[in-house]
Amino acid sequence: MKRFTALLLPAFLLLISCGQPEIMAEKPIPVTVMVAEQQVISSTVVAACRLESGSEALITALNPGRILDVLVSEGDEVQEGDILVELSTDQQYSSAVSASSAQITAARTAASNARTNLQRADRLRLDGAVSETEYEMAIAASAAAEAAVRQALAGYENASSREESGKILAPFKGTVTRVWAREGNLSSGPLISIAAGGVVSSELLIAERHFQYLAEGLPVIFATSHYPEELFSGEVISFSSSIDPLSGLISVMVQFHDSSGRLRSGMTGIATIGLETSEGTIVLPLRVLLHRDESTWEAAVVSNGIARINQVEIGIINGTYFEITMGVEPGDSVILLGHHLVADGSPVWVVQR
């Protein structure tokens, strides 16, 4: 009996121990982290953009005529005074120039003779050979001859200017943006459009919710398919003080400075306005944040192998990136993958940084 009892006792103790819950340490949850760093973030608004020249001229002919030659094409760079279009000069203009030139010659000859007669009459008057009346008539004739010279010169200048109107000149340095002139056509309506280089502008239409952030001088970036690898910087120069009641949009004028001359009137692209900018602030991607409710955001931070769930405050939002104004410090290890699996105080194992 004693022997039987001795054999049962270890088995009984083993049975009792198996019925007790086993106390085991919680296994660390594998996570990956990113290190919070100070960055720059801006709140932006994007709008379709069509460039217009800051100074553009539509050039027409002063006098009608038939287009003889078009010397420029769209995109050409021109200097002030360059000939753009030549018109066939009306024959009467050329005849008028020739006639005016002949009139000048005749008038100058007559004036020279009148002066000679006046000088002779003056000498004869002293000798009593010419009366005062004849002398006064010589003075009047000389004066009339001089007036005729001036009139002939004015007529020549007028005829010459009308003949020169057959040459259409560039009024300033710029880029030819449109050419309507065609050889053989009559010079009716605008012939050439020239835009001054260096500055282009555009009117952007943005939603009214951005109105409170608008200000002159805000930075603007322009991107276009014409130069897919480049961005052009500009600024807001003005904006409407009222909102369009029908569309609910605000008109914003922006300007871009381009000394290279590559930006031209008519180009289209996308303009991005930087409404607000924060420098030296924590910026985290949306995928690392926990959105508990409409107003509560959290981030999981690793400290000494333990996950800590910190409530954070949000500042500027740019797409999927958020400014963190409170709750995360520079250098904190923020859980990038695995943050949905941890709770505050959970042990974690960082498998990748």
Foldseek 3Di string as FASTA:
>chain_A
DVVVVVVVVVVVVVVVVVVDDDDDDDDAAEFAWDFWFFFKDFFKDKFKWFKAFPDKDFFFFPDKFAWADADDDAFDWDAFFDFGTFGDADPVLVVQLVVLVVQLVVLVVQLVVLVVVLVVLVVVVVVVNHDPVVNVVSVVSNVVSVVSNVVSVVSNVVSVVSRCSRTTTDRHTFGWHDAPDDHGHMRPDTGTMGGHAFKIKTKTKDAPVLVVLDDWFFKKWWAAPVCNVDIFIWTWHDWDPDADPPPNIIITMIMTTDPPRPDHGGGITMMMTGRDMDGRFTKDFQQQWDDPDPQWIWWWWDDPQFTAIWTWHWDHDDPRMTTTPDGDDGRTITGRPPRVVDDGGRGHDHPYD
